[in-house]
C-alpha atoms as a PDB file:
ATOM      1  CA  MET A   1      -8.098  26.003 -80.398  1.00  0.00           C
ATOM      2  CA  PHE A   2     -11.112  25.129 -78.442  1.00  0.00           C
ATOM      3  CA  ARG A   3     -13.672  28.480 -79.282  1.00  0.00           C
ATOM      4  CA  HIS A   4     -13.852  28.015 -82.965  1.00  0.00           C
ATOM      5  CA  LYS A   5     -16.644  25.842 -83.932  1.00  0.00           C
ATOM      6  CA  GLY A   6     -17.729  25.119 -87.915  1.00  0.00           C
ATOM      7  CA  LYS A   7     -16.405  27.385 -90.507  1.00  0.00           C
ATOM      8  CA  LYS A   8     -14.852  29.744 -88.183  1.00  0.00           C
ATOM      9  CA  ARG A   9     -12.280  26.853 -87.276  1.00  0.00           C
ATOM     10  CA  THR A  10      -9.190  26.825 -89.437  1.00  0.00           C
ATOM     11  CA  TYR A  11      -7.072  24.116 -90.594  1.00  0.00           C
ATOM     12  CA  LEU A  12      -4.351  25.972 -88.137  1.00  0.00           C
ATOM     13  CA  HIS A  13      -6.976  25.785 -85.228  1.00  0.00           C
ATOM     14  CA  ASN A  14      -7.159  21.858 -85.815  1.00  0.00           C
ATOM     15  CA  ILE A  15      -3.104  21.317 -86.069  1.00  0.00           C
ATOM     16  CA  ARG A  16      -2.682  22.599 -82.670  1.00  0.00           C
ATOM     17  CA  LEU A  17      -5.340  21.056 -81.314  1.00  0.00           C
ATOM     18  CA  ALA A  18      -4.156  18.058 -82.699  1.00  0.00           C
ATOM     19  CA  SER A  19      -0.275  18.471 -81.710  1.00  0.00           C
ATOM     20  CA  MET A  20      -1.252  19.096 -78.096  1.00  0.00           C
ATOM     21  CA  LEU A  21      -3.493  17.061 -77.152  1.00  0.00           C
ATOM     22  CA  SER A  22      -2.103  13.786 -79.407  1.00  0.00           C
ATOM     23  CA  PHE A  23       1.090  14.598 -76.834  1.00  0.00           C
ATOM     24  CA  ILE A  24      -0.901  14.439 -74.008  1.00  0.00           C
ATOM     25  CA  ALA A  25      -2.623  10.872 -74.948  1.00  0.00           C
ATOM     26  CA  GLY A  26       0.953   9.484 -75.662  1.00  0.00           C
ATOM     27  CA  LEU A  27       1.988  10.842 -72.293  1.00  0.00           C
ATOM     28  CA  VAL A  28      -1.150   8.696 -70.830  1.00  0.00           C
ATOM     29  CA  ASN A  29      -0.773   5.721 -72.965  1.00  0.00           C
ATOM     30  CA  VAL A  30       2.516   4.582 -72.454  1.00  0.00           C
ATOM     31  CA  THR A  31       2.407   5.739 -68.491  1.00  0.00           C
ATOM     32  CA  GLY A  32      -0.484   3.068 -67.909  1.00  0.00           C
ATOM     33  CA  VAL A  33       1.432   0.338 -69.479  1.00  0.00           C
ATOM     34  CA  LEU A  34       4.552   1.046 -67.680  1.00  0.00           C
ATOM     35  CA  SER A  35       2.524   1.353 -64.569  1.00  0.00           C
ATOM     36  CA  VAL A  36      -0.616  -0.988 -64.586  1.00  0.00           C
ATOM     37  CA  ARG A  37      -0.262  -3.046 -67.928  1.00  0.00           C
ATOM     38  CA  THR A  38      -3.246  -1.304 -69.242  1.00  0.00           C
ATOM     39  CA  LEU A  39      -3.605   0.549 -72.679  1.00  0.00           C
ATOM     40  CA  THR A  40      -5.756   3.662 -71.413  1.00  0.00           C
ATOM     41  CA  THR A  41      -6.347   5.252 -74.597  1.00  0.00           C
ATOM     42  CA  ASN A  42      -8.624   2.922 -76.424  1.00  0.00           C
ATOM     43  CA  VAL A  43     -11.053   0.763 -76.150  1.00  0.00           C
ATOM     44  CA  THR A  44     -10.514  -2.235 -78.595  1.00  0.00           C
ATOM     45  CA  GLY A  45      -8.107  -4.565 -77.313  1.00  0.00           C
ATOM     46  CA  HIS A  46     -10.376  -4.510 -73.883  1.00  0.00           C
ATOM     47  CA  PHE A  47     -12.793  -5.876 -75.774  1.00  0.00           C
ATOM     48  CA  ALA A  48     -10.591  -8.703 -76.733  1.00  0.00           C
ATOM     49  CA  PHE A  49      -9.400  -9.494 -73.208  1.00  0.00           C
ATOM     50  CA  PHE A  50     -13.198  -9.210 -72.162  1.00  0.00           C
ATOM     51  CA  ALA A  51     -14.115 -12.036 -74.828  1.00  0.00           C
ATOM     52  CA  GLU A  52     -11.207 -14.395 -74.156  1.00  0.00           C
ATOM     53  CA  GLU A  53     -11.892 -14.158 -70.334  1.00  0.00           C
ATOM     54  CA  LEU A  54     -15.356 -14.622 -70.777  1.00  0.00           C
ATOM     55  CA  THR A  55     -15.076 -17.495 -72.858  1.00  0.00           C
ATOM     56  CA  GLY A  56     -12.610 -18.904 -70.494  1.00  0.00           C
ATOM     57  CA  GLU A  57     -15.590 -18.586 -67.434  1.00  0.00           C
ATOM     58  CA  ASN A  58     -12.835 -16.141 -65.497  1.00  0.00           C
ATOM     59  CA  PHE A  59     -15.879 -14.213 -64.858  1.00  0.00           C
ATOM     60  CA  ASN A  60     -14.487 -11.930 -62.469  1.00  0.00           C
ATOM     61  CA  VAL A  61     -11.775 -10.692 -64.437  1.00  0.00           C
ATOM     62  CA  ALA A  62     -14.109 -10.150 -67.507  1.00  0.00           C
ATOM     63  CA  PHE A  63     -16.178  -7.904 -65.329  1.00  0.00           C
ATOM     64  CA  ILE A  64     -13.034  -5.795 -64.854  1.00  0.00           C
ATOM     65  CA  PHE A  65     -12.304  -5.239 -68.611  1.00  0.00           C
ATOM     66  CA  LEU A  66     -15.981  -4.148 -68.997  1.00  0.00           C
ATOM     67  CA  ILE A  67     -15.390  -1.875 -66.280  1.00  0.00           C
ATOM     68  CA  TYR A  68     -12.746  -0.581 -68.257  1.00  0.00           C
ATOM     69  CA  ILE A  69     -14.918  -0.073 -71.459  1.00  0.00           C
ATOM     70  CA  PHE A  70     -17.716   1.768 -69.391  1.00  0.00           C
ATOM     71  CA  SER A  71     -15.040   4.082 -67.813  1.00  0.00           C
ATOM     72  CA  PHE A  72     -14.032   5.340 -71.329  1.00  0.00           C
ATOM     73  CA  LEU A  73     -17.515   5.407 -72.391  1.00  0.00           C
ATOM     74  CA  LEU A  74     -18.749   7.588 -69.029  1.00  0.00           C
ATOM     75  CA  GLY A  75     -15.600  10.038 -69.560  1.00  0.00           C
ATOM     76  CA  ALA A  76     -17.357  10.408 -73.324  1.00  0.00           C
ATOM     77  CA  PHE A  77     -20.450  10.898 -72.148  1.00  0.00           C
ATOM     78  CA  ILE A  78     -19.810  13.275 -69.410  1.00  0.00           C
ATOM     79  CA  SER A  79     -17.673  15.325 -71.317  1.00  0.00           C
ATOM     80  CA  ASN A  80     -20.444  16.046 -74.291  1.00  0.00           C
ATOM     81  CA  PHE A  81     -22.892  16.140 -71.497  1.00  0.00           C
ATOM     82  CA  ILE A  82     -21.116  19.058 -69.814  1.00  0.00           C
ATOM     83  CA  VAL A  83     -20.463  20.789 -73.575  1.00  0.00           C
ATOM     84  CA  GLU A  84     -24.042  20.534 -74.345  1.00  0.00           C
ATOM     85  CA  ILE A  85     -25.285  22.210 -70.662  1.00  0.00           C
ATOM     86  CA  THR A  86     -22.638  24.825 -70.699  1.00  0.00           C
ATOM     87  CA  VAL A  87     -22.886  26.124 -74.250  1.00  0.00           C
ATOM     88  CA  ARG A  88     -26.068  27.244 -73.400  1.00  0.00           C
ATOM     89  CA  ILE A  89     -25.432  29.090 -70.267  1.00  0.00           C
ATOM     90  CA  LYS A  90     -21.787  30.243 -70.761  1.00  0.00           C
ATOM     91  CA  PRO A  91     -20.903  29.246 -74.260  1.00  0.00           C
ATOM     92  CA  ARG A  92     -17.061  30.692 -74.214  1.00  0.00           C
ATOM     93  CA  MET A  93     -16.645  28.178 -70.634  1.00  0.00           C
ATOM     94  CA  ALA A  94     -17.665  25.278 -72.660  1.00  0.00           C
ATOM     95  CA  HIS A  95     -14.621  23.622 -73.370  1.00  0.00           C
ATOM     96  CA  ALA A  96     -12.974  24.457 -70.367  1.00  0.00           C
ATOM     97  CA  ILE A  97     -14.690  22.178 -67.356  1.00  0.00           C
ATOM     98  CA  PRO A  98     -14.185  18.641 -69.369  1.00  0.00           C
ATOM     99  CA  MET A  99     -10.524  20.174 -69.170  1.00  0.00           C
ATOM    100  CA  LEU A 100     -10.098  20.511 -65.778  1.00  0.00           C
ATOM    101  CA  ILE A 101     -12.103  17.547 -64.965  1.00  0.00           C
ATOM    102  CA  GLU A 102      -9.592  15.791 -66.468  1.00  0.00           C
ATOM    103  CA  MET A 103      -6.760  17.995 -65.276  1.00  0.00           C
ATOM    104  CA  GLY A 104      -8.018  16.689 -61.764  1.00  0.00           C
ATOM    105  CA  VAL A 105      -8.141  12.928 -63.002  1.00  0.00           C
ATOM    106  CA  LEU A 106      -4.815  13.091 -64.119  1.00  0.00           C
ATOM    107  CA  CYS A 107      -3.563  14.509 -60.805  1.00  0.00           C
ATOM    108  CA  MET A 108      -5.433  12.178 -58.822  1.00  0.00           C
ATOM    109  CA  ALA A 109      -4.174   9.390 -60.689  1.00  0.00           C
ATOM    110  CA  GLY A 110      -0.372  10.788 -60.498  1.00  0.00           C
ATOM    111  CA  THR A 111      -0.548  10.581 -56.396  1.00  0.00           C
ATOM    112  CA  PHE A 112      -0.846   6.589 -56.301  1.00  0.00           C
ATOM    113  CA  ALA A 113       2.174   4.797 -55.628  1.00  0.00           C
ATOM    114  CA  VAL A 114       2.991   2.573 -58.525  1.00  0.00           C
ATOM    115  CA  PRO A 115       1.166  -0.875 -57.673  1.00  0.00           C
ATOM    116  CA  GLU A 116       3.387  -3.616 -56.690  1.00  0.00           C
ATOM    117  CA  LYS A 117       1.575  -6.892 -58.425  1.00  0.00           C
ATOM    118  CA  LEU A 118      -1.160  -6.430 -61.352  1.00  0.00           C
ATOM    119  CA  MET A 119      -4.937  -6.684 -60.785  1.00  0.00           C
ATOM    120  CA  ASN A 120      -5.146  -5.782 -57.469  1.00  0.00           C
ATOM    121  CA  THR A 121      -7.629  -2.609 -56.377  1.00  0.00           C
ATOM    122  CA  ALA A 122      -5.221   0.668 -56.831  1.00  0.00           C
ATOM    123  CA  THR A 123      -4.327  -1.173 -60.601  1.00  0.00           C
ATOM    124  CA  GLN A 124      -7.857  -1.125 -61.443  1.00  0.00           C
ATOM    125  CA  VAL A 125      -8.598   2.557 -59.903  1.00  0.00           C
ATOM    126  CA  ILE A 126      -5.739   3.896 -61.669  1.00  0.00           C
ATOM    127  CA  ALA A 127      -6.516   2.088 -65.173  1.00  0.00           C
ATOM    128  CA  CYS A 128     -10.038   3.108 -64.781  1.00  0.00           C
ATOM    129  CA  SER A 129      -8.650   6.809 -63.930  1.00  0.00           C
ATOM    130  CA  LEU A 130      -6.888   7.182 -66.960  1.00  0.00           C
ATOM    131  CA  LEU A 131      -9.813   5.512 -69.535  1.00  0.00           C
ATOM    132  CA  PHE A 132     -12.151   7.912 -68.006  1.00  0.00           C
ATOM    133  CA  ALA A 133      -9.601  10.885 -68.805  1.00  0.00           C
ATOM    134  CA  MET A 134      -9.146   9.684 -72.330  1.00  0.00           C
ATOM    135  CA  GLY A 135     -12.589   9.122 -72.954  1.00  0.00           C
ATOM    136  CA  LEU A 136     -13.258  12.944 -71.813  1.00  0.00           C
ATOM    137  CA  GLN A 137     -10.379  14.405 -74.035  1.00  0.00           C
ATOM    138  CA  ASN A 138     -11.819  11.935 -77.073  1.00  0.00           C
ATOM    139  CA  SER A 139     -15.040  13.305 -76.495  1.00  0.00           C
ATOM    140  CA  LEU A 140     -13.836  16.887 -76.148  1.00  0.00           C
ATOM    141  CA  VAL A 141     -11.781  17.262 -79.200  1.00  0.00           C
ATOM    142  CA  THR A 142     -14.283  15.462 -81.535  1.00  0.00           C
ATOM    143  CA  LYS A 143     -16.875  18.011 -80.487  1.00  0.00           C
ATOM    144  CA  VAL A 144     -14.488  21.047 -80.773  1.00  0.00           C
ATOM    145  CA  SER A 145     -13.101  19.936 -84.039  1.00  0.00           C
ATOM    146  CA  ASP A 146     -16.457  18.693 -85.556  1.00  0.00           C
ATOM    147  CA  SER A 147     -14.958  15.088 -85.962  1.00  0.00           C
ATOM    148  CA  VAL A 148     -11.786  15.853 -87.847  1.00  0.00           C
ATOM    149  CA  VAL A 149      -9.464  15.212 -84.955  1.00  0.00           C
ATOM    150  CA  ARG A 150      -9.288  12.521 -82.762  1.00  0.00           C
ATOM    151  CA  THR A 151      -6.361  12.253 -80.501  1.00  0.00           C
ATOM    152  CA  THR A 152      -6.445   8.937 -78.483  1.00  0.00           C
ATOM    153  CA  HIS A 153      -5.595   5.860 -80.671  1.00  0.00           C
ATOM    154  CA  LEU A 154      -3.897   5.489 -84.240  1.00  0.00           C
ATOM    155  CA  THR A 155      -6.112   2.620 -86.119  1.00  0.00           C
ATOM    156  CA  GLY A 156      -8.250   4.582 -87.857  1.00  0.00           C
ATOM    157  CA  LEU A 157      -5.626   7.755 -88.572  1.00  0.00           C
ATOM    158  CA  PHE A 158      -3.482   4.773 -90.204  1.00  0.00           C
ATOM    159  CA  THR A 159      -6.040   3.716 -92.137  1.00  0.00           C
ATOM    160  CA  ASP A 160      -7.220   6.982 -92.839  1.00  0.00           C
ATOM    161  CA  LEU A 161      -3.673   8.330 -93.854  1.00  0.00           C
ATOM    162  CA  GLY A 162      -3.190   5.117 -96.349  1.00  0.00           C
ATOM    163  CA  ILE A 163      -6.462   6.076 -98.161  1.00  0.00           C
ATOM    164  CA  GLU A 164      -5.255   9.458 -98.593  1.00  0.00           C
ATOM    165  CA  LEU A 165      -1.688   8.944 -99.196  1.00  0.00           C
ATOM    166  CA  SER A 166      -2.885   6.489-102.411  1.00  0.00           C
ATOM    167  CA  GLN A 167      -5.503   9.154-103.193  1.00  0.00           C
ATOM    168  CA  LEU A 168      -2.093  11.488-103.611  1.00  0.00           C
ATOM    169  CA  PHE A 169      -1.627   9.479-106.953  1.00  0.00           C
ATOM    170  CA  PHE A 170      -4.900   9.945-108.696  1.00  0.00           C
ATOM    171  CA  PHE A 171      -5.832  14.037-107.657  1.00  0.00           C
ATOM    172  CA  ARG A 172      -4.825  16.050-110.301  1.00  0.00           C
ATOM    173  CA  GLN A 173      -6.559  19.468-109.672  1.00  0.00           C
ATOM    174  CA  PRO A 174      -4.015  21.736-107.546  1.00  0.00           C
ATOM    175  CA  PHE A 175      -6.833  22.671-105.100  1.00  0.00           C
ATOM    176  CA  GLU A 176      -8.049  18.819-104.887  1.00  0.00           C
ATOM    177  CA  ARG A 177      -4.318  18.303-104.245  1.00  0.00           C
ATOM    178  CA  GLY A 178      -3.798  21.256-101.747  1.00  0.00           C
ATOM    179  CA  LYS A 179      -6.546  20.021 -99.671  1.00  0.00           C
ATOM    180  CA  LEU A 180      -5.986  16.082 -99.492  1.00  0.00           C
ATOM    181  CA  LYS A 181      -1.923  17.213 -98.597  1.00  0.00           C
ATOM    182  CA  LYS A 182      -3.632  19.236 -95.638  1.00  0.00           C
ATOM    183  CA  SER A 183      -5.312  16.547 -94.224  1.00  0.00           C
ATOM    184  CA  VAL A 184      -2.353  14.224 -94.654  1.00  0.00           C
ATOM    185  CA  TYR A 185      -0.391  16.378 -92.847  1.00  0.00           C
ATOM    186  CA  LEU A 186      -2.349  17.006 -90.081  1.00  0.00           C
ATOM    187  CA  ARG A 187      -2.899  13.061 -89.622  1.00  0.00           C
ATOM    188  CA  LEU A 188       1.118  12.883 -89.370  1.00  0.00           C
ATOM    189  CA  ALA A 189       1.066  15.583 -87.232  1.00  0.00           C
ATOM    190  CA  ILE A 190      -1.453  13.565 -85.197  1.00  0.00           C
ATOM    191  CA  ILE A 191       0.665  10.243 -85.152  1.00  0.00           C
ATOM    192  CA  THR A 192       3.957  12.191 -85.100  1.00  0.00           C
ATOM    193  CA  PHE A 193       3.300  14.223 -81.216  1.00  0.00           C
ATOM    194  CA  PHE A 194       1.870  10.718 -79.712  1.00  0.00           C
ATOM    195  CA  PHE A 195       4.729   9.133 -80.946  1.00  0.00           C
ATOM    196  CA  LEU A 196       6.978  11.526 -79.224  1.00  0.00           C
ATOM    197  CA  GLY A 197       4.724  11.827 -75.925  1.00  0.00           C
ATOM    198  CA  CYS A 198       5.148   8.199 -75.819  1.00  0.00           C
ATOM    199  CA  ILE A 199       8.824   8.367 -75.979  1.00  0.00           C
ATOM    200  CA  VAL A 200       9.133  11.267 -73.483  1.00  0.00           C
ATOM    201  CA  SER A 201       6.705   9.317 -71.086  1.00  0.00           C
ATOM    202  CA  GLY A 202       9.052   6.241 -71.346  1.00  0.00           C
ATOM    203  CA  TYR A 203      12.135   8.250 -70.689  1.00  0.00           C
ATOM    204  CA  LEU A 204      10.399  10.027 -67.532  1.00  0.00           C
ATOM    205  CA  TYR A 205       8.786   7.244 -66.423  1.00  0.00           C
ATOM    206  CA  ASN A 206      12.103   5.702 -64.685  1.00  0.00           C
ATOM    207  CA  TYR A 207      12.598   8.819 -62.687  1.00  0.00           C
ATOM    208  CA  LEU A 208       8.658   9.689 -62.199  1.00  0.00           C
ATOM    209  CA  HIS A 209       6.784   6.633 -62.509  1.00  0.00           C
ATOM    210  CA  LEU A 210       2.913   7.887 -62.086  1.00  0.00           C
ATOM    211  CA  LYS A 211       3.874  11.344 -61.529  1.00  0.00           C
ATOM    212  CA  VAL A 212       4.618  11.382 -65.534  1.00  0.00           C
ATOM    213  CA  LEU A 213       0.723  12.228 -65.284  1.00  0.00           C
ATOM    214  CA  PHE A 214       1.320  15.629 -63.982  1.00  0.00           C
ATOM    215  CA  LEU A 215       3.208  16.652 -66.720  1.00  0.00           C
ATOM    216  CA  ALA A 216       0.256  15.686 -69.026  1.00  0.00           C
ATOM    217  CA  ALA A 217      -2.489  17.741 -66.558  1.00  0.00           C
ATOM    218  CA  MET A 218       0.461  20.743 -66.908  1.00  0.00           C
ATOM    219  CA  CYS A 219       0.456  20.207 -70.664  1.00  0.00           C
ATOM    220  CA  LEU A 220      -3.541  20.916 -70.593  1.00  0.00           C
ATOM    221  CA  LEU A 221      -3.340  23.821 -68.299  1.00  0.00           C
ATOM    222  CA  PHE A 222      -0.722  25.360 -70.678  1.00  0.00           C
ATOM    223  CA  ALA A 223      -3.366  24.479 -73.616  1.00  0.00           C
ATOM    224  CA  LEU A 224      -6.080  25.956 -71.949  1.00  0.00           C
ATOM    225  CA  VAL A 225      -4.156  29.225 -70.686  1.00  0.00           C
ATOM    226  CA  TYR A 226      -3.151  29.732 -73.927  1.00  0.00           C
ATOM    227  CA  ASP A 227      -6.137  29.576 -75.478  1.00  0.00           C
ATOM    228  CA  ASN A 228      -7.484  32.183 -73.460  1.00  0.00           C
ATOM    229  CA  LEU A 229      -4.722  34.418 -73.466  1.00  0.00           C
ATOM    230  CA  ARG A 230      -5.274  34.527 -77.654  1.00  0.00           C
ATOM    231  CA  TYR A 231      -8.869  35.131 -76.906  1.00  0.00           C
ATOM    232  CA  PHE A 232      -7.965  38.170 -74.666  1.00  0.00           C
ATOM    233  CA  PHE A 233      -5.528  39.900 -77.085  1.00  0.00           C
ATOM    234  CA  TYR A 234      -8.049  39.132 -79.821  1.00  0.00           C
ATOM    235  CA  ARG A 235     -10.914  41.041 -78.058  1.00  0.00           C
ATOM    236  CA  LEU A 236      -8.481  43.583 -77.104  1.00  0.00           C
ATOM    237  CA  GLN A 237      -7.120  44.395 -80.402  1.00  0.00           C
ATOM    238  CA  ARG A 238     -10.933  44.667 -81.694  1.00  0.00           C
ATOM    239  CA  LYS A 239     -11.680  47.125 -79.178  1.00  0.00           C
ATOM    240  CA  MET A 240      -8.661  49.109 -80.031  1.00  0.00           C
ATOM    241  CA  ARG A 241      -9.845  48.919 -83.906  1.00  0.00           C
ATOM    242  CA  TYR A 242     -13.029  50.355 -83.234  1.00  0.00           C
ATOM    243  CA  ARG A 243     -12.306  53.037 -81.197  1.00  0.00           C
END
């Protein structure tokens, strides 16, 4: 799911990656909205709010939205920076470190109490933490899948899905239609699991509040353990085959 790069990656690898991490993004997205009234899986809206507050000369509030944008950017930067360094030393661990950092950030955010009022320090720390975590995840997924999979925002996905659905009316060759359908199914998987994560978070938030983020961290841990177990059994099979 995480280890295979380039031509070694299969459609199934991308489906697994997209399903698990888009579900996590959905969990984080709704938890952020319900707890701190902040979108935490993309920065498009924050640019609009930043411009609105800036033109209204509310410079302190505008600066907060700028910090939100920078938090996502910082997460993406650190994720890729770590991957580029680690892959030169221990390639098999390149994806694990950003995932462990994301787990730590989500668990830290999950320990906060729900803020009583918006735009206080606790709210800003939680929002920045979740934006940083989603920047880490989006950068890692983009890097691992060679930009095929993105899991934290849906605008581009719906655009691509609309284009590809329209192309189904024009692609006649079986190979072309088969390839196009696989791409459509991949995008539908991301959208479906993101939506599922949002619904699960919406129901669980009433009982767990920010502790829903522990579930997101557990899903990341499961993905990491699952990937390592598959790699271990694959290595074991190869050794047995050549004995």
